[in-house]
Amino acid sequence: AVENAERVSASIQSGAQVTNTYQVTFDETGEQTLGATLTYK
């Protein structure tokens, strides 16, 4: 369960990096999956 799951950056310059911090909660133990979907122009 992800709080505020969608983040938007107006622009990322060549060679630059943007880091987003998410608050997540897993209900189950063991191996779990996080999936990130990135859309850009």
PDB file of all heavy atoms in Angstrom:
ATOM      1  N   ALA A   1       0.871  -1.173   0.000  1.00  0.00           N
ATOM      2  CA  ALA A   1       0.000   0.000   0.000  1.00  0.00           C
ATOM      3  C   ALA A   1       0.910   1.225   0.000  1.00  0.00           C
ATOM      4  O   ALA A   1       1.769   1.370   0.868  1.00  0.00           O
ATOM      5  CB  ALA A   1      -0.891   0.006   1.239  1.00  0.00           C
ATOM      6  N   VAL A   2       0.727   2.094  -0.990  1.00  0.00           N
ATOM      7  CA  VAL A   2       1.624   3.230  -1.181  1.00  0.00           C
ATOM      8  C   VAL A   2       0.873   4.527  -0.942  1.00  0.00           C
ATOM      9  O   VAL A   2      -0.191   4.761  -1.532  1.00  0.00           O
ATOM     10  CB  VAL A   2       2.236   3.231  -2.604  1.00  0.00           C
ATOM     11  CG1 VAL A   2       3.224   4.381  -2.758  1.00  0.00           C
ATOM     12  CG2 VAL A   2       2.907   1.895  -2.887  1.00  0.00           C
ATOM     13  N   GLU A   3       1.436   5.368  -0.090  1.00  0.00           N
ATOM     14  CA  GLU A   3       0.846   6.683   0.158  1.00  0.00           C
ATOM     15  C   GLU A   3       1.361   7.675  -0.880  1.00  0.00           C
ATOM     16  O   GLU A   3       2.560   7.775  -1.106  1.00  0.00           O
ATOM     17  CB  GLU A   3       1.222   7.150   1.573  1.00  0.00           C
ATOM     18  CG  GLU A   3       0.641   8.503   1.947  1.00  0.00           C
ATOM     19  CD  GLU A   3       1.036   8.926   3.351  1.00  0.00           C
ATOM     20  OE1 GLU A   3       1.473   8.048   4.124  1.00  0.00           O
ATOM     21  OE2 GLU A   3       0.926  10.129   3.650  1.00  0.00           O
ATOM     22  N   ASN A   4       0.436   8.417  -1.503  1.00  0.00           N
ATOM     23  CA  ASN A   4       0.793   9.395  -2.536  1.00  0.00           C
ATOM     24  C   ASN A   4       1.660   8.726  -3.596  1.00  0.00           C
ATOM     25  O   ASN A   4       2.831   9.057  -3.787  1.00  0.00           O
ATOM     26  CB  ASN A   4       1.529  10.585  -1.911  1.00  0.00           C
ATOM     27  CG  ASN A   4       1.726  11.728  -2.875  1.00  0.00           C
ATOM     28  OD1 ASN A   4       1.084  11.795  -3.923  1.00  0.00           O
ATOM     29  ND2 ASN A   4       2.640  12.630  -2.538  1.00  0.00           N
ATOM     30  N   ALA A   5       1.078   7.789  -4.330  1.00  0.00           N
ATOM     31  CA  ALA A   5       1.840   6.907  -5.217  1.00  0.00           C
ATOM     32  C   ALA A   5       2.385   7.592  -6.454  1.00  0.00           C
ATOM     33  O   ALA A   5       3.363   7.105  -7.045  1.00  0.00           O
ATOM     34  CB  ALA A   5       0.954   5.728  -5.645  1.00  0.00           C
ATOM     35  N   GLU A   6       1.809   8.702  -6.906  1.00  0.00           N
ATOM     36  CA  GLU A   6       2.233   9.324  -8.161  1.00  0.00           C
ATOM     37  C   GLU A   6       3.028  10.599  -7.898  1.00  0.00           C
ATOM     38  O   GLU A   6       2.606  11.469  -7.126  1.00  0.00           O
ATOM     39  CB  GLU A   6       0.995   9.659  -9.016  1.00  0.00           C
ATOM     40  CG  GLU A   6       1.317  10.217 -10.381  1.00  0.00           C
ATOM     41  CD  GLU A   6       0.076  10.467 -11.204  1.00  0.00           C
ATOM     42  OE1 GLU A   6      -0.644   9.477 -11.495  1.00  0.00           O
ATOM     43  OE2 GLU A   6      -0.193  11.641 -11.540  1.00  0.00           O
ATOM     44  N   ARG A   7       4.196  10.716  -8.534  1.00  0.00           N
ATOM     45  CA  ARG A   7       5.050  11.901  -8.411  1.00  0.00           C
ATOM     46  C   ARG A   7       5.370  12.418  -9.811  1.00  0.00           C
ATOM     47  O   ARG A   7       5.574  11.625 -10.742  1.00  0.00           O
ATOM     48  CB  ARG A   7       6.348  11.568  -7.679  1.00  0.00           C
ATOM     49  CG  ARG A   7       6.137  10.889  -6.334  1.00  0.00           C
ATOM     50  CD  ARG A   7       5.411  11.779  -5.326  1.00  0.00           C
ATOM     51  NE  ARG A   7       5.047  11.048  -4.134  1.00  0.00           N
ATOM     52  CZ  ARG A   7       5.880  10.820  -3.120  1.00  0.00           C
ATOM     53  NH1 ARG A   7       7.129  11.256  -3.187  1.00  0.00           N
ATOM     54  NH2 ARG A   7       5.466  10.147  -2.075  1.00  0.00           N
ATOM     55  N   VAL A   8       5.450  13.728  -9.953  1.00  0.00           N
ATOM     56  CA  VAL A   8       5.684  14.356 -11.255  1.00  0.00           C
ATOM     57  C   VAL A   8       6.878  15.301 -11.158  1.00  0.00           C
ATOM     58  O   VAL A   8       6.987  16.086 -10.210  1.00  0.00           O
ATOM     59  CB  VAL A   8       4.438  15.122 -11.735  1.00  0.00           C
ATOM     60  CG1 VAL A   8       4.715  15.844 -13.050  1.00  0.00           C
ATOM     61  CG2 VAL A   8       3.254  14.174 -11.891  1.00  0.00           C
ATOM     62  N   SER A   9       7.769  15.232 -12.171  1.00  0.00           N
ATOM     63  CA  SER A   9       8.883  16.170 -12.311  1.00  0.00           C
ATOM     64  C   SER A   9       8.739  16.862 -13.659  1.00  0.00           C
ATOM     65  O   SER A   9       8.543  16.199 -14.687  1.00  0.00           O
ATOM     66  CB  SER A   9      10.228  15.440 -12.243  1.00  0.00           C
ATOM     67  OG  SER A   9      10.377  14.761 -11.015  1.00  0.00           O
ATOM     68  N   ALA A  10       8.819  18.198 -13.663  1.00  0.00           N
ATOM     69  CA  ALA A  10       8.653  18.932 -14.916  1.00  0.00           C
ATOM     70  C   ALA A  10       9.745  18.583 -15.914  1.00  0.00           C
ATOM     71  O   ALA A  10       9.486  18.434 -17.108  1.00  0.00           O
ATOM     72  CB  ALA A  10       8.654  20.433 -14.637  1.00  0.00           C
ATOM     73  N   SER A  11      10.982  18.420 -15.433  1.00  0.00           N
ATOM     74  CA  SER A  11      12.087  18.135 -16.348  1.00  0.00           C
ATOM     75  C   SER A  11      13.235  17.501 -15.573  1.00  0.00           C
ATOM     76  O   SER A  11      13.464  17.813 -14.399  1.00  0.00           O
ATOM     77  CB  SER A  11      12.565  19.438 -17.016  1.00  0.00           C
ATOM     78  OG  SER A  11      13.674  19.202 -17.857  1.00  0.00           O
ATOM     79  N   ILE A  12      13.963  16.612 -16.252  1.00  0.00           N
ATOM     80  CA  ILE A  12      15.204  16.038 -15.720  1.00  0.00           C
ATOM     81  C   ILE A  12      16.280  16.247 -16.778  1.00  0.00           C
ATOM     82  O   ILE A  12      16.171  15.722 -17.892  1.00  0.00           O
ATOM     83  CB  ILE A  12      15.052  14.532 -15.392  1.00  0.00           C
ATOM     84  CG1 ILE A  12      13.921  14.305 -14.396  1.00  0.00           C
ATOM     85  CG2 ILE A  12      16.362  13.980 -14.842  1.00  0.00           C
ATOM     86  CD1 ILE A  12      13.672  12.843 -14.066  1.00  0.00           C
ATOM     87  N   GLN A  13      17.277  17.020 -16.443  1.00  0.00           N
ATOM     88  CA  GLN A  13      18.320  17.344 -17.402  1.00  0.00           C
ATOM     89  C   GLN A  13      19.207  16.133 -17.692  1.00  0.00           C
ATOM     90  O   GLN A  13      19.255  15.172 -16.918  1.00  0.00           O
ATOM     91  CB  GLN A  13      19.163  18.503 -16.890  1.00  0.00           C
ATOM     92  CG  GLN A  13      18.386  19.802 -16.710  1.00  0.00           C
ATOM     93  CD  GLN A  13      17.736  20.279 -17.995  1.00  0.00           C
ATOM     94  OE1 GLN A  13      18.381  20.331 -19.039  1.00  0.00           O
ATOM     95  NE2 GLN A  13      16.451  20.616 -17.921  1.00  0.00           N
ATOM     96  N   SER A  14      19.925  16.204 -18.802  1.00  0.00           N
ATOM     97  CA  SER A  14      20.829  15.124 -19.192  1.00  0.00           C
ATOM     98  C   SER A  14      21.868  14.887 -18.104  1.00  0.00           C
ATOM     99  O   SER A  14      22.489  15.824 -17.591  1.00  0.00           O
ATOM    100  CB  SER A  14      21.532  15.489 -20.505  1.00  0.00           C
ATOM    101  OG  SER A  14      22.481  14.513 -20.860  1.00  0.00           O
ATOM    102  N   GLY A  15      22.035  13.627 -17.718  1.00  0.00           N
ATOM    103  CA  GLY A  15      23.005  13.263 -16.687  1.00  0.00           C
ATOM    104  C   GLY A  15      22.541  13.503 -15.266  1.00  0.00           C
ATOM    105  O   GLY A  15      23.289  13.231 -14.324  1.00  0.00           O
ATOM    106  N   ALA A  16      21.318  14.003 -15.075  1.00  0.00           N
ATOM    107  CA  ALA A  16      20.810  14.300 -13.733  1.00  0.00           C
ATOM    108  C   ALA A  16      19.949  13.157 -13.205  1.00  0.00           C
ATOM    109  O   ALA A  16      19.557  12.250 -13.949  1.00  0.00           O
ATOM    110  CB  ALA A  16      20.019  15.602 -13.739  1.00  0.00           C
ATOM    111  N   GLN A  17      19.659  13.228 -11.914  1.00  0.00           N
ATOM    112  CA  GLN A  17      18.860  12.192 -11.246  1.00  0.00           C
ATOM    113  C   GLN A  17      17.871  12.850 -10.293  1.00  0.00           C
ATOM    114  O   GLN A  17      18.200  13.832  -9.621  1.00  0.00           O
ATOM    115  CB  GLN A  17      19.758  11.226 -10.474  1.00  0.00           C
ATOM    116  CG  GLN A  17      19.021  10.089  -9.779  1.00  0.00           C
ATOM    117  CD  GLN A  17      19.959   9.219  -8.956  1.00  0.00           C
ATOM    118  OE1 GLN A  17      20.381   9.593  -7.867  1.00  0.00           O
ATOM    119  NE2 GLN A  17      20.303   8.054  -9.501  1.00  0.00           N
ATOM    120  N   VAL A  18      16.671  12.319 -10.233  1.00  0.00           N
ATOM    121  CA  VAL A  18      15.643  12.781  -9.300  1.00  0.00           C
ATOM    122  C   VAL A  18      15.211  11.597  -8.449  1.00  0.00           C
ATOM    123  O   VAL A  18      14.908  10.521  -8.984  1.00  0.00           O
ATOM    124  CB  VAL A  18      14.427  13.380 -10.039  1.00  0.00           C
ATOM    125  CG1 VAL A  18      13.292  13.680  -9.066  1.00  0.00           C
ATOM    126  CG2 VAL A  18      14.824  14.637 -10.787  1.00  0.00           C
ATOM    127  N   THR A  19      15.211  11.810  -7.113  1.00  0.00           N
ATOM    128  CA  THR A  19      14.840  10.734  -6.182  1.00  0.00           C
ATOM    129  C   THR A  19      13.532  11.093  -5.493  1.00  0.00           C
ATOM    130  O   THR A  19      13.377  12.197  -4.962  1.00  0.00           O
ATOM    131  CB  THR A  19      15.936  10.517  -5.129  1.00  0.00           C
ATOM    132  OG1 THR A  19      17.148  10.122  -5.786  1.00  0.00           O
ATOM    133  CG2 THR A  19      15.533   9.432  -4.143  1.00  0.00           C
ATOM    134  N   ASN A  20      12.601  10.160  -5.501  1.00  0.00           N
ATOM    135  CA  ASN A  20      11.306  10.327  -4.838  1.00  0.00           C
ATOM    136  C   ASN A  20      11.213   9.350  -3.674  1.00  0.00           C
ATOM    137  O   ASN A  20      11.579   8.171  -3.804  1.00  0.00           O
ATOM    138  CB  ASN A  20      10.157  10.066  -5.814  1.00  0.00           C
ATOM    139  CG  ASN A  20      10.155  11.042  -6.979  1.00  0.00           C
ATOM    140  OD1 ASN A  20       9.728  12.174  -6.859  1.00  0.00           O
ATOM    141  ND2 ASN A  20      10.663  10.591  -8.123  1.00  0.00           N
ATOM    142  N   THR A  21      10.723   9.844  -2.533  1.00  0.00           N
ATOM    143  CA  THR A  21      10.567   9.011  -1.341  1.00  0.00           C
ATOM    144  C   THR A  21       9.095   8.662  -1.142  1.00  0.00           C
ATOM    145  O   THR A  21       8.240   9.557  -1.088  1.00  0.00           O
ATOM    146  CB  THR A  21      11.112   9.725  -0.097  1.00  0.00           C
ATOM    147  OG1 THR A  21      12.497  10.019  -0.291  1.00  0.00           O
ATOM    148  CG2 THR A  21      10.960   8.843   1.134  1.00  0.00           C
ATOM    149  N   TYR A  22       8.809   7.374  -1.041  1.00  0.00           N
ATOM    150  CA  TYR A  22       7.446   6.882  -0.867  1.00  0.00           C
ATOM    151  C   TYR A  22       7.313   6.203   0.498  1.00  0.00           C
ATOM    152  O   TYR A  22       8.260   5.580   0.994  1.00  0.00           O
ATOM    153  CB  TYR A  22       7.085   5.870  -1.952  1.00  0.00           C
ATOM    154  CG  TYR A  22       7.061   6.424  -3.359  1.00  0.00           C
ATOM    155  CD1 TYR A  22       8.214   6.482  -4.129  1.00  0.00           C
ATOM    156  CD2 TYR A  22       5.876   6.867  -3.923  1.00  0.00           C
ATOM    157  CE1 TYR A  22       8.191   6.976  -5.425  1.00  0.00           C
ATOM    158  CE2 TYR A  22       5.834   7.366  -5.220  1.00  0.00           C
ATOM    159  CZ  TYR A  22       7.002   7.418  -5.964  1.00  0.00           C
ATOM    160  OH  TYR A  22       6.972   7.908  -7.244  1.00  0.00           O
ATOM    161  N   GLN A  23       6.135   6.341   1.102  1.00  0.00           N
ATOM    162  CA  GLN A  23       5.804   5.617   2.323  1.00  0.00           C
ATOM    163  C   GLN A  23       4.989   4.384   1.936  1.00  0.00           C
ATOM    164  O   GLN A  23       3.892   4.507   1.390  1.00  0.00           O
ATOM    165  CB  GLN A  23       5.026   6.499   3.287  1.00  0.00           C
ATOM    166  CG  GLN A  23       5.763   7.759   3.723  1.00  0.00           C
ATOM    167  CD  GLN A  23       7.080   7.448   4.401  1.00  0.00           C
ATOM    168  OE1 GLN A  23       7.168   6.511   5.219  1.00  0.00           O
ATOM    169  NE2 GLN A  23       8.116   8.192   4.074  1.00  0.00           N
ATOM    170  N   VAL A  24       5.550   3.194   2.203  1.00  0.00           N
ATOM    171  CA  VAL A  24       4.901   1.950   1.790  1.00  0.00           C
ATOM    172  C   VAL A  24       4.674   1.054   3.000  1.00  0.00           C
ATOM    173  O   VAL A  24       5.424   1.107   3.979  1.00  0.00           O
ATOM    174  CB  VAL A  24       5.749   1.208   0.728  1.00  0.00           C
ATOM    175  CG1 VAL A  24       6.032   2.115  -0.455  1.00  0.00           C
ATOM    176  CG2 VAL A  24       7.064   0.707   1.324  1.00  0.00           C
ATOM    177  N   THR A  25       3.637   0.233   2.917  1.00  0.00           N
ATOM    178  CA  THR A  25       3.324  -0.720   3.983  1.00  0.00           C
ATOM    179  C   THR A  25       2.974  -2.062   3.350  1.00  0.00           C
ATOM    180  O   THR A  25       2.067  -2.136   2.504  1.00  0.00           O
ATOM    181  CB  THR A  25       2.141  -0.231   4.837  1.00  0.00           C
ATOM    182  OG1 THR A  25       2.418   1.071   5.352  1.00  0.00           O
ATOM    183  CG2 THR A  25       1.894  -1.191   6.003  1.00  0.00           C
ATOM    184  N   PHE A  26       3.683  -3.102   3.779  1.00  0.00           N
ATOM    185  CA  PHE A  26       3.393  -4.463   3.330  1.00  0.00           C
ATOM    186  C   PHE A  26       2.610  -5.193   4.412  1.00  0.00           C
ATOM    187  O   PHE A  26       2.992  -5.160   5.590  1.00  0.00           O
ATOM    188  CB  PHE A  26       4.696  -5.226   3.041  1.00  0.00           C
ATOM    189  CG  PHE A  26       5.422  -4.762   1.809  1.00  0.00           C
ATOM    190  CD1 PHE A  26       6.414  -3.797   1.900  1.00  0.00           C
ATOM    191  CD2 PHE A  26       5.114  -5.284   0.565  1.00  0.00           C
ATOM    192  CE1 PHE A  26       7.099  -3.370   0.775  1.00  0.00           C
ATOM    193  CE2 PHE A  26       5.783  -4.860  -0.574  1.00  0.00           C
ATOM    194  CZ  PHE A  26       6.775  -3.896  -0.469  1.00  0.00           C
ATOM    195  N   ASP A  27       1.550  -5.861   4.005  1.00  0.00           N
ATOM    196  CA  ASP A  27       0.758  -6.632   4.958  1.00  0.00           C
ATOM    197  C   ASP A  27       1.306  -8.044   5.145  1.00  0.00           C
ATOM    198  O   ASP A  27       1.107  -8.660   6.202  1.00  0.00           O
ATOM    199  CB  ASP A  27      -0.698  -6.716   4.496  1.00  0.00           C
ATOM    200  CG  ASP A  27      -1.396  -5.363   4.534  1.00  0.00           C
ATOM    201  OD1 ASP A  27      -1.015  -4.535   5.381  1.00  0.00           O
ATOM    202  OD2 ASP A  27      -2.301  -5.143   3.713  1.00  0.00           O
ATOM    203  N   GLU A  28       1.974  -8.569   4.136  1.00  0.00           N
ATOM    204  CA  GLU A  28       2.450  -9.945   4.168  1.00  0.00           C
ATOM    205  C   GLU A  28       3.973  -9.986   4.299  1.00  0.00           C
ATOM    206  O   GLU A  28       4.681  -9.039   3.922  1.00  0.00           O
ATOM    207  CB  GLU A  28       2.029 -10.689   2.898  1.00  0.00           C
ATOM    208  CG  GLU A  28       0.538 -10.685   2.635  1.00  0.00           C
ATOM    209  CD  GLU A  28      -0.242 -11.456   3.687  1.00  0.00           C
ATOM    210  OE1 GLU A  28       0.354 -12.391   4.270  1.00  0.00           O
ATOM    211  OE2 GLU A  28      -1.414 -11.141   3.920  1.00  0.00           O
ATOM    212  N   THR A  29       4.473 -11.100   4.833  1.00  0.00           N
ATOM    213  CA  THR A  29       5.915 -11.309   4.955  1.00  0.00           C
ATOM    214  C   THR A  29       6.438 -12.089   3.743  1.00  0.00           C
ATOM    215  O   THR A  29       5.675 -12.564   2.913  1.00  0.00           O
ATOM    216  CB  THR A  29       6.237 -12.069   6.251  1.00  0.00           C
ATOM    217  OG1 THR A  29       5.609 -13.354   6.195  1.00  0.00           O
ATOM    218  CG2 THR A  29       5.735 -11.311   7.470  1.00  0.00           C
ATOM    219  N   GLY A  30       7.759 -12.231   3.681  1.00  0.00           N
ATOM    220  CA  GLY A  30       8.363 -12.986   2.591  1.00  0.00           C
ATOM    221  C   GLY A  30       8.711 -12.101   1.412  1.00  0.00           C
ATOM    222  O   GLY A  30       8.826 -10.873   1.526  1.00  0.00           O
ATOM    223  N   GLU A  31       8.917 -12.713   0.239  1.00  0.00           N
ATOM    224  CA  GLU A  31       9.263 -11.961  -0.962  1.00  0.00           C
ATOM    225  C   GLU A  31       8.037 -11.218  -1.498  1.00  0.00           C
ATOM    226  O   GLU A  31       7.005 -11.818  -1.755  1.00  0.00           O
ATOM    227  CB  GLU A  31       9.820 -12.903  -2.040  1.00  0.00           C
ATOM    228  CG  GLU A  31      11.213 -13.423  -1.753  1.00  0.00           C
ATOM    229  CD  GLU A  31      11.810 -14.121  -2.959  1.00  0.00           C
ATOM    230  OE1 GLU A  31      11.082 -14.327  -3.950  1.00  0.00           O
ATOM    231  OE2 GLU A  31      13.005 -14.459  -2.907  1.00  0.00           O
ATOM    232  N   GLN A  32       8.193  -9.905  -1.655  1.00  0.00           N
ATOM    233  CA  GLN A  32       7.126  -9.060  -2.165  1.00  0.00           C
ATOM    234  C   GLN A  32       7.675  -8.227  -3.325  1.00  0.00           C
ATOM    235  O   GLN A  32       8.887  -8.116  -3.521  1.00  0.00           O
ATOM    236  CB  GLN A  32       6.581  -8.145  -1.065  1.00  0.00           C
ATOM    237  CG  GLN A  32       6.077  -8.881   0.170  1.00  0.00           C
ATOM    238  CD  GLN A  32       4.845  -9.708  -0.113  1.00  0.00           C
ATOM    239  OE1 GLN A  32       3.954  -9.283  -0.849  1.00  0.00           O
ATOM    240  NE2 GLN A  32       4.781 -10.910   0.447  1.00  0.00           N
ATOM    241  N   THR A  33       6.761  -7.645  -4.098  1.00  0.00           N
ATOM    242  CA  THR A  33       7.158  -6.915  -5.301  1.00  0.00           C
ATOM    243  C   THR A  33       6.769  -5.445  -5.209  1.00  0.00           C
ATOM    244  O   THR A  33       5.665  -5.111  -4.767  1.00  0.00           O
ATOM    245  CB  THR A  33       6.497  -7.526  -6.549  1.00  0.00           C
ATOM    246  OG1 THR A  33       6.912  -8.883  -6.680  1.00  0.00           O
ATOM    247  CG2 THR A  33       6.899  -6.763  -7.805  1.00  0.00           C
ATOM    248  N   LEU A  34       7.706  -4.585  -5.634  1.00  0.00           N
ATOM    249  CA  LEU A  34       7.439  -3.175  -5.855  1.00  0.00           C
ATOM    250  C   LEU A  34       7.530  -2.919  -7.357  1.00  0.00           C
ATOM    251  O   LEU A  34       8.498  -3.341  -8.000  1.00  0.00           O
ATOM    252  CB  LEU A  34       8.449  -2.291  -5.118  1.00  0.00           C
ATOM    253  CG  LEU A  34       8.263  -2.124  -3.607  1.00  0.00           C
ATOM    254  CD1 LEU A  34       9.445  -1.371  -3.026  1.00  0.00           C
ATOM    255  CD2 LEU A  34       6.962  -1.398  -3.305  1.00  0.00           C
ATOM    256  N   GLY A  35       6.543  -2.245  -7.911  1.00  0.00           N
ATOM    257  CA  GLY A  35       6.543  -1.956  -9.342  1.00  0.00           C
ATOM    258  C   GLY A  35       6.487  -0.464  -9.600  1.00  0.00           C
ATOM    259  O   GLY A  35       5.645   0.240  -9.038  1.00  0.00           O
ATOM    260  N   ALA A  36       7.396   0.036 -10.459  1.00  0.00           N
ATOM    261  CA  ALA A  36       7.443   1.458 -10.788  1.00  0.00           C
ATOM    262  C   ALA A  36       7.149   1.639 -12.271  1.00  0.00           C
ATOM    263  O   ALA A  36       7.757   0.983 -13.121  1.00  0.00           O
ATOM    264  CB  ALA A  36       8.812   2.042 -10.453  1.00  0.00           C
ATOM    265  N   THR A  37       6.219   2.530 -12.580  1.00  0.00           N
ATOM    266  CA  THR A  37       5.873   2.852 -13.965  1.00  0.00           C
ATOM    267  C   THR A  37       6.265   4.294 -14.251  1.00  0.00           C
ATOM    268  O   THR A  37       5.809   5.210 -13.549  1.00  0.00           O
ATOM    269  CB  THR A  37       4.367   2.665 -14.218  1.00  0.00           C
ATOM    270  OG1 THR A  37       4.014   1.305 -13.933  1.00  0.00           O
ATOM    271  CG2 THR A  37       4.019   2.991 -15.655  1.00  0.00           C
ATOM    272  N   LEU A  38       7.116   4.482 -15.256  1.00  0.00           N
ATOM    273  CA  LEU A  38       7.644   5.801 -15.584  1.00  0.00           C
ATOM    274  C   LEU A  38       7.170   6.221 -16.971  1.00  0.00           C
ATOM    275  O   LEU A  38       7.343   5.486 -17.946  1.00  0.00           O
ATOM    276  CB  LEU A  38       9.176   5.784 -15.540  1.00  0.00           C
ATOM    277  CG  LEU A  38       9.878   7.102 -15.878  1.00  0.00           C
ATOM    278  CD1 LEU A  38       9.615   8.133 -14.798  1.00  0.00           C
ATOM    279  CD2 LEU A  38      11.387   6.873 -16.056  1.00  0.00           C
ATOM    280  N   THR A  39       6.586   7.405 -17.038  1.00  0.00           N
ATOM    281  CA  THR A  39       6.169   7.992 -18.310  1.00  0.00           C
ATOM    282  C   THR A  39       6.890   9.323 -18.488  1.00  0.00           C
ATOM    283  O   THR A  39       6.944  10.134 -17.547  1.00  0.00           O
ATOM    284  CB  THR A  39       4.652   8.223 -18.338  1.00  0.00           C
ATOM    285  OG1 THR A  39       3.982   6.974 -18.110  1.00  0.00           O
ATOM    286  CG2 THR A  39       4.207   8.783 -19.666  1.00  0.00           C
ATOM    287  N   TYR A  40       7.458   9.548 -19.686  1.00  0.00           N
ATOM    288  CA  TYR A  40       8.219  10.776 -19.929  1.00  0.00           C
ATOM    289  C   TYR A  40       8.216  11.082 -21.420  1.00  0.00           C
ATOM    290  O   TYR A  40       7.849  10.251 -22.256  1.00  0.00           O
ATOM    291  CB  TYR A  40       9.657  10.625 -19.436  1.00  0.00           C
ATOM    292  CG  TYR A  40      10.425   9.500 -20.093  1.00  0.00           C
ATOM    293  CD1 TYR A  40      11.205   9.712 -21.219  1.00  0.00           C
ATOM    294  CD2 TYR A  40      10.350   8.203 -19.587  1.00  0.00           C
ATOM    295  CE1 TYR A  40      11.893   8.675 -21.830  1.00  0.00           C
ATOM    296  CE2 TYR A  40      11.038   7.158 -20.182  1.00  0.00           C
ATOM    297  CZ  TYR A  40      11.800   7.397 -21.301  1.00  0.00           C
ATOM    298  OH  TYR A  40      12.471   6.375 -21.916  1.00  0.00           O
ATOM    299  N   LYS A  41       8.646  12.291 -21.743  1.00  0.00           N
ATOM    300  CA  LYS A  41       8.777  12.713 -23.131  1.00  0.00           C
ATOM    301  C   LYS A  41      10.252  13.016 -23.408  1.00  0.00           C
ATOM    302  O   LYS A  41      10.900  13.744 -22.658  1.00  0.00           O
ATOM    303  CB  LYS A  41       7.938  13.957 -23.408  1.00  0.00           C
ATOM    304  CG  LYS A  41       8.015  14.446 -24.855  1.00  0.00           C
ATOM    305  CD  LYS A  41       7.174  15.695 -25.069  1.00  0.00           C
ATOM    306  CE  LYS A  41       5.700  15.341 -25.037  1.00  0.00           C
ATOM    307  NZ  LYS A  41       4.853  16.523 -25.402  1.00  0.00           N
TER     308      LYS A  41
END
